[in-house]
Each structure stands twice: as structure tokens, then as C-alpha cells.
Amino acid sequence: MLSYQTDLPINDLLALRKEAEEIWPVFRINVEQAQLKGAIISARQAPSGIFIKTSRLYNFTIVKHEDDSWHFQ
């Protein structure tokens, strides 16, 4: 699992997906070296709030298929 903080709104899934797809080629190297068949890229908004900090996140799951290709779920 790779977790990162994004400046994008969590509800903008198209922009988040594009960002995750840009991160994937670099993260994929580590995933394949570990001989894994799946990975998660977790985008988290910066915490907000004065007294109680809250943060939203969205997870992208990437799965390796039988033909060795990777697909976002």
C-alpha cells in the first residue's frame, strides 16, 4: 500500500484516478519486486479543522491478471 496526501478534492474521482495512474509506474516497481499480485494507492486530503482534525481518503486497488497485466479496479 502506498499512501499519499493530495491537493485534489476526494470527490473528484476522475482527477484522483489520473493522479494515481501517474504514481502507479513508480510504485509498480516496488510491487513487482515484492512479487505481489495486488496493490493499493491511497489518496488522502490534507487534514482540516480547528479543534478536531479530519481527513478524507480514497483507495484505488490495482490487481495483476493472469496475463501479467495490471488493472485498476
N, C-alpha and C. Protein backbone atom coordinates (compact mmCIF):
# COMPACT_ATOMS: atom_id res chain seq x y z
N MET A 1 0.85 -1.18 0.00
CA MET A 1 0.00 0.00 0.00
C MET A 1 0.89 1.24 0.00
N LEU A 2 0.50 2.17 -0.86
CA LEU A 2 1.17 3.46 -0.89
C LEU A 2 0.13 4.51 -0.53
N SER A 3 0.43 5.30 0.48
CA SER A 3 -0.48 6.35 0.92
C SER A 3 0.19 7.70 0.69
N TYR A 4 -0.58 8.64 0.15
CA TYR A 4 -0.03 9.97 -0.08
C TYR A 4 -1.10 11.03 0.16
N GLN A 5 -0.64 12.25 0.37
CA GLN A 5 -1.56 13.37 0.58
C GLN A 5 -1.75 14.10 -0.74
N THR A 6 -3.00 14.34 -1.12
CA THR A 6 -3.31 15.01 -2.37
C THR A 6 -3.88 16.40 -2.11
N ASP A 7 -3.71 17.26 -3.08
CA ASP A 7 -4.34 18.59 -3.02
C ASP A 7 -5.69 18.59 -3.71
N LEU A 8 -6.02 17.47 -4.38
CA LEU A 8 -7.29 17.37 -5.10
C LEU A 8 -8.44 17.07 -4.14
N PRO A 9 -9.66 17.49 -4.48
CA PRO A 9 -10.81 17.10 -3.67
C PRO A 9 -11.07 15.59 -3.82
N ILE A 10 -11.35 14.93 -2.74
CA ILE A 10 -11.57 13.48 -2.75
C ILE A 10 -12.77 13.10 -3.61
N ASN A 11 -13.74 13.97 -3.74
CA ASN A 11 -14.92 13.64 -4.54
C ASN A 11 -14.69 13.81 -6.05
N ASP A 12 -13.52 14.28 -6.46
CA ASP A 12 -13.19 14.40 -7.88
C ASP A 12 -12.46 13.12 -8.31
N LEU A 13 -13.22 12.04 -8.49
CA LEU A 13 -12.63 10.73 -8.75
C LEU A 13 -11.86 10.65 -10.07
N LEU A 14 -12.28 11.38 -11.07
CA LEU A 14 -11.55 11.36 -12.34
C LEU A 14 -10.15 11.94 -12.18
N ALA A 15 -10.05 13.06 -11.51
CA ALA A 15 -8.74 13.68 -11.28
C ALA A 15 -7.88 12.82 -10.36
N LEU A 16 -8.51 12.25 -9.33
CA LEU A 16 -7.77 11.37 -8.42
C LEU A 16 -7.24 10.15 -9.16
N ARG A 17 -8.06 9.56 -10.01
CA ARG A 17 -7.64 8.38 -10.78
C ARG A 17 -6.46 8.73 -11.68
N LYS A 18 -6.51 9.89 -12.33
CA LYS A 18 -5.41 10.32 -13.19
C LYS A 18 -4.13 10.46 -12.36
N GLU A 19 -4.26 11.05 -11.19
CA GLU A 19 -3.11 11.22 -10.31
C GLU A 19 -2.54 9.85 -9.89
N ALA A 20 -3.42 8.92 -9.53
CA ALA A 20 -2.99 7.57 -9.14
C ALA A 20 -2.32 6.86 -10.31
N GLU A 21 -2.84 7.05 -11.51
CA GLU A 21 -2.24 6.43 -12.69
C GLU A 21 -0.86 7.00 -12.98
N GLU A 22 -0.61 8.25 -12.60
CA GLU A 22 0.72 8.84 -12.76
C GLU A 22 1.70 8.29 -11.72
N ILE A 23 1.20 7.97 -10.54
CA ILE A 23 2.02 7.41 -9.46
C ILE A 23 2.34 5.94 -9.72
N TRP A 24 1.40 5.22 -10.31
CA TRP A 24 1.49 3.77 -10.46
C TRP A 24 2.80 3.27 -11.09
N PRO A 25 3.31 3.82 -12.19
CA PRO A 25 4.53 3.26 -12.78
C PRO A 25 5.72 3.21 -11.82
N VAL A 26 5.83 4.18 -10.96
CA VAL A 26 6.93 4.20 -9.99
C VAL A 26 6.67 3.19 -8.88
N PHE A 27 5.45 3.17 -8.35
CA PHE A 27 5.08 2.24 -7.27
C PHE A 27 5.09 0.80 -7.77
N ARG A 28 4.75 0.60 -9.03
CA ARG A 28 4.68 -0.74 -9.62
C ARG A 28 6.01 -1.48 -9.49
N ILE A 29 7.11 -0.76 -9.63
CA ILE A 29 8.44 -1.37 -9.50
C ILE A 29 8.57 -2.07 -8.15
N ASN A 30 8.18 -1.40 -7.07
CA ASN A 30 8.25 -1.99 -5.73
C ASN A 30 7.31 -3.17 -5.58
N VAL A 31 6.11 -3.03 -6.13
CA VAL A 31 5.10 -4.09 -6.03
C VAL A 31 5.60 -5.35 -6.74
N GLU A 32 6.16 -5.18 -7.93
CA GLU A 32 6.65 -6.33 -8.67
C GLU A 32 7.89 -6.95 -8.04
N GLN A 33 8.76 -6.12 -7.47
CA GLN A 33 9.94 -6.65 -6.77
C GLN A 33 9.53 -7.50 -5.58
N ALA A 34 8.43 -7.13 -4.94
CA ALA A 34 7.91 -7.90 -3.80
C ALA A 34 7.07 -9.09 -4.26
N GLN A 35 6.91 -9.27 -5.56
CA GLN A 35 6.17 -10.37 -6.17
C GLN A 35 4.71 -10.43 -5.68
N LEU A 36 4.10 -9.24 -5.58
CA LEU A 36 2.71 -9.15 -5.16
C LEU A 36 1.78 -9.22 -6.36
N LYS A 37 0.54 -9.58 -6.11
CA LYS A 37 -0.46 -9.66 -7.17
C LYS A 37 -1.51 -8.56 -7.03
N GLY A 38 -1.31 -7.68 -6.07
CA GLY A 38 -2.24 -6.58 -5.87
C GLY A 38 -1.57 -5.45 -5.12
N ALA A 39 -2.15 -4.27 -5.27
CA ALA A 39 -1.61 -3.10 -4.59
C ALA A 39 -2.75 -2.11 -4.33
N ILE A 40 -2.50 -1.21 -3.41
CA ILE A 40 -3.46 -0.14 -3.10
C ILE A 40 -2.72 1.18 -3.12
N ILE A 41 -3.30 2.15 -3.81
CA ILE A 41 -2.82 3.53 -3.76
C ILE A 41 -3.90 4.31 -3.03
N SER A 42 -3.54 4.90 -1.91
CA SER A 42 -4.49 5.60 -1.05
C SER A 42 -4.22 7.10 -1.08
N ALA A 43 -5.18 7.85 -1.63
CA ALA A 43 -5.09 9.31 -1.69
C ALA A 43 -5.82 9.89 -0.47
N ARG A 44 -5.14 10.78 0.25
CA ARG A 44 -5.72 11.37 1.45
C ARG A 44 -5.66 12.89 1.34
N GLN A 45 -6.78 13.54 1.66
CA GLN A 45 -6.80 15.00 1.70
C GLN A 45 -6.04 15.49 2.92
N ALA A 46 -5.55 16.71 2.82
CA ALA A 46 -4.89 17.32 3.97
C ALA A 46 -5.90 17.45 5.11
N PRO A 47 -5.48 17.18 6.35
CA PRO A 47 -6.40 17.32 7.48
C PRO A 47 -6.91 18.76 7.60
N SER A 48 -8.19 18.89 8.00
CA SER A 48 -8.77 20.21 8.20
C SER A 48 -9.52 20.25 9.52
N GLY A 49 -9.78 21.43 9.98
CA GLY A 49 -10.49 21.61 11.24
C GLY A 49 -9.62 22.34 12.24
N ILE A 50 -10.28 22.98 13.21
CA ILE A 50 -9.53 23.76 14.20
C ILE A 50 -9.21 22.91 15.43
N PHE A 51 -10.23 22.36 16.05
CA PHE A 51 -10.02 21.57 17.27
C PHE A 51 -9.91 20.09 16.97
N ILE A 52 -10.75 19.63 16.07
CA ILE A 52 -10.72 18.22 15.68
C ILE A 52 -10.34 18.17 14.21
N LYS A 53 -9.22 17.55 13.94
CA LYS A 53 -8.75 17.43 12.56
C LYS A 53 -9.39 16.21 11.90
N THR A 54 -9.92 16.41 10.71
CA THR A 54 -10.49 15.30 9.95
C THR A 54 -9.84 15.27 8.57
N SER A 55 -9.85 14.10 7.97
CA SER A 55 -9.28 13.92 6.66
C SER A 55 -10.07 12.85 5.92
N ARG A 56 -10.29 13.05 4.64
CA ARG A 56 -10.99 12.06 3.83
C ARG A 56 -9.97 11.36 2.94
N LEU A 57 -10.30 10.11 2.55
CA LEU A 57 -9.39 9.38 1.68
C LEU A 57 -10.15 8.54 0.69
N TYR A 58 -9.43 8.12 -0.35
CA TYR A 58 -9.99 7.23 -1.35
C TYR A 58 -8.90 6.24 -1.75
N ASN A 59 -9.26 4.96 -1.82
CA ASN A 59 -8.31 3.91 -2.16
C ASN A 59 -8.56 3.39 -3.57
N PHE A 60 -7.48 3.25 -4.31
CA PHE A 60 -7.51 2.60 -5.62
C PHE A 60 -6.84 1.24 -5.47
N THR A 61 -7.52 0.20 -5.94
CA THR A 61 -6.97 -1.14 -5.90
C THR A 61 -6.50 -1.51 -7.30
N ILE A 62 -5.27 -2.03 -7.38
CA ILE A 62 -4.70 -2.45 -8.65
C ILE A 62 -4.41 -3.94 -8.53
N VAL A 63 -4.88 -4.72 -9.51
CA VAL A 63 -4.78 -6.18 -9.44
C VAL A 63 -4.05 -6.70 -10.67
N LYS A 64 -3.18 -7.68 -10.45
CA LYS A 64 -2.46 -8.32 -11.55
C LYS A 64 -3.28 -9.48 -12.08
N HIS A 65 -3.50 -9.50 -13.39
CA HIS A 65 -4.28 -10.55 -14.04
C HIS A 65 -3.37 -11.69 -14.48
N GLU A 66 -3.99 -12.77 -14.92
CA GLU A 66 -3.25 -13.97 -15.35
C GLU A 66 -2.22 -13.68 -16.44
N ASP A 67 -2.51 -12.71 -17.31
CA ASP A 67 -1.59 -12.39 -18.40
C ASP A 67 -0.50 -11.40 -17.99
N ASP A 68 -0.33 -11.20 -16.68
CA ASP A 68 0.67 -10.31 -16.08
C ASP A 68 0.40 -8.83 -16.32
N SER A 69 -0.80 -8.47 -16.77
CA SER A 69 -1.17 -7.06 -16.91
C SER A 69 -1.82 -6.59 -15.61
N TRP A 70 -1.68 -5.30 -15.34
CA TRP A 70 -2.23 -4.69 -14.12
C TRP A 70 -3.45 -3.88 -14.49
N HIS A 71 -4.49 -3.94 -13.62
CA HIS A 71 -5.73 -3.23 -13.88
C HIS A 71 -6.24 -2.54 -12.61
N PHE A 72 -6.63 -1.28 -12.76
CA PHE A 72 -7.29 -0.58 -11.67
C PHE A 72 -8.70 -1.13 -11.53
N GLN A 73 -9.12 -1.39 -10.31
CA GLN A 73 -10.46 -1.92 -10.06
C GLN A 73 -11.42 -0.80 -9.78
